[in-house]
Protein backbone atom coordinates (compact mmCIF):
# COMPACT_ATOMS: atom_id res chain seq x y z
CA GLN A 1 -15.11 29.57 -70.52
CA VAL A 2 -15.01 30.24 -66.25
CA GLN A 3 -18.58 29.96 -64.97
CA LEU A 4 -19.96 30.15 -61.33
CA VAL A 5 -22.86 28.95 -60.90
CA GLU A 6 -24.98 30.11 -58.12
CA SER A 7 -28.18 27.56 -56.36
CA GLY A 8 -30.25 27.52 -53.16
CA GLY A 9 -31.56 31.16 -53.40
CA GLY A 10 -35.38 31.38 -52.52
CA LEU A 11 -38.14 32.67 -50.04
CA VAL A 12 -37.82 32.16 -45.78
CA GLN A 13 -39.62 33.77 -43.12
CA PRO A 14 -37.60 35.86 -40.97
CA GLY A 15 -35.83 33.30 -38.11
CA GLY A 16 -35.47 30.72 -40.66
CA SER A 17 -32.43 29.48 -42.78
CA LEU A 18 -31.14 28.79 -46.04
CA ARG A 19 -27.53 27.18 -47.66
CA LEU A 20 -26.56 28.78 -50.76
CA SER A 21 -23.51 26.71 -53.40
CA CYS A 22 -21.87 27.99 -55.64
CA ALA A 23 -20.29 25.56 -58.55
CA ALA A 24 -16.96 26.51 -60.42
CA SER A 25 -15.80 25.45 -63.53
CA LYS A 26 -12.89 25.63 -65.81
CA LEU A 27 -10.47 27.72 -63.19
CA THR A 28 -8.53 26.46 -60.73
CA PHE A 29 -10.11 26.29 -57.59
CA SER A 30 -7.93 25.86 -54.68
CA ALA A 31 -5.65 29.33 -56.72
CA TYR A 32 -8.75 31.24 -55.92
CA VAL A 33 -10.27 33.00 -52.74
CA MET A 34 -13.65 32.16 -52.66
CA GLY A 35 -16.32 34.83 -52.17
CA TRP A 36 -19.99 35.38 -51.60
CA TYR A 37 -21.51 39.57 -51.93
CA ARG A 38 -24.98 41.00 -51.87
CA GLN A 39 -26.51 43.47 -53.56
CA ALA A 40 -30.37 44.99 -51.90
CA PRO A 41 -32.57 47.05 -54.61
CA GLY A 42 -30.58 50.96 -54.38
CA LYS A 43 -27.47 49.64 -52.57
CA GLN A 44 -23.73 48.97 -53.18
CA ARG A 45 -23.20 45.68 -53.32
CA GLU A 46 -21.23 44.43 -50.43
CA LEU A 47 -19.31 41.52 -49.07
CA VAL A 48 -20.98 38.89 -46.72
CA ALA A 49 -18.09 36.59 -46.26
CA SER A 50 -15.04 35.48 -48.36
CA ILE A 51 -12.93 31.99 -47.59
CA THR A 52 -9.18 31.52 -48.66
CA ASN A 53 -7.93 28.30 -50.04
CA GLY A 54 -6.24 27.33 -46.39
CA GLY A 55 -9.57 27.53 -44.75
CA GLY A 56 -9.14 31.66 -43.51
CA THR A 57 -12.56 33.61 -43.40
CA ASN A 58 -13.82 36.74 -43.22
CA TYR A 59 -17.68 37.88 -42.64
CA ALA A 60 -19.45 41.21 -42.59
CA ASP A 61 -20.16 42.12 -38.91
CA SER A 62 -23.41 42.14 -40.26
CA VAL A 63 -23.86 38.60 -40.80
CA LYS A 64 -20.99 37.42 -38.08
CA GLY A 65 -22.17 34.40 -35.51
CA ARG A 66 -25.45 33.65 -38.27
CA PHE A 67 -23.59 33.04 -41.48
CA THR A 68 -21.13 30.17 -42.19
CA ILE A 69 -18.79 30.20 -45.30
CA SER A 70 -17.27 26.71 -46.54
CA ARG A 71 -15.27 25.31 -50.02
CA ASP A 72 -14.97 22.16 -50.83
CA ASN A 73 -11.79 22.07 -53.01
CA ALA A 74 -12.45 18.32 -54.53
CA LYS A 75 -16.29 19.41 -55.92
CA ARG A 76 -14.88 23.26 -57.00
CA THR A 77 -17.83 24.32 -54.78
CA VAL A 78 -17.84 26.99 -51.92
CA TYR A 79 -21.11 27.32 -49.80
CA LEU A 80 -22.79 30.09 -47.52
CA GLN A 81 -25.26 28.62 -45.20
CA MET A 82 -27.22 31.53 -43.89
CA ASN A 83 -29.71 31.14 -40.02
CA SER A 84 -31.33 33.78 -37.94
CA LEU A 85 -32.29 35.67 -41.07
CA LYS A 86 -33.58 38.69 -41.10
CA PRO A 87 -35.77 40.79 -43.72
CA GLU A 88 -32.77 42.95 -44.21
CA ASP A 89 -30.63 39.72 -45.43
CA THR A 90 -33.19 40.20 -48.47
CA ALA A 91 -30.89 40.73 -51.75
CA VAL A 92 -29.49 39.20 -54.55
CA TYR A 93 -26.29 37.09 -54.10
CA TYR A 94 -23.33 36.78 -56.30
CA CYS A 95 -20.27 34.36 -55.58
CA ASN A 96 -17.51 35.50 -56.40
CA ALA A 97 -13.72 33.88 -57.19
CA ARG A 98 -11.17 36.17 -57.02
CA GLY A 99 -7.04 36.04 -57.57
CA GLY A 100 -5.40 32.58 -59.78
CA PRO A 101 -2.45 31.23 -60.50
CA SER A 102 -0.32 33.67 -61.51
CA THR A 103 0.74 36.78 -60.97
CA THR A 104 -2.17 38.33 -62.20
CA ILE A 105 -5.68 38.93 -60.52
CA LEU A 106 -8.42 37.70 -61.74
CA ASN A 107 -11.84 38.24 -60.84
CA TYR A 108 -15.42 36.40 -61.70
CA TRP A 109 -18.82 37.03 -60.75
CA GLY A 110 -22.04 34.45 -60.92
CA GLN A 111 -25.59 35.63 -62.27
CA GLY A 112 -26.74 36.15 -58.62
CA THR A 113 -29.33 34.22 -56.64
CA GLN A 114 -32.24 35.95 -54.84
CA VAL A 115 -32.71 35.96 -51.10
CA THR A 116 -35.78 37.03 -49.75
CA VAL A 117 -36.97 36.52 -46.47
CA SER A 118 -40.41 37.85 -45.35
CA SER A 119 -42.90 36.84 -43.72
């Protein structure tokens, strides 16, 4: 079965950096738009950033200029480099794969990784 495994979360001070990774298995990685979402306590899950197979990116306004999404198709891995972190970035971050090799749109989620920004 398809697996998306996130890593790299943790506790960081305001202004610090973290790099999240999401390793995908058992899917045609290049056929999916990969994304990072986050969900803070009491809030809805929101899109943070996404990247197409061709490298096209999309960012939430709140993270533009601070976060960078990238992907390595050979390693079937998507990354989220987070700089200048703020307390409001605290959330569980989820990896998402959306798309697929056929006309049917498939949607997969990772288990999430906690990011806490606090002094």
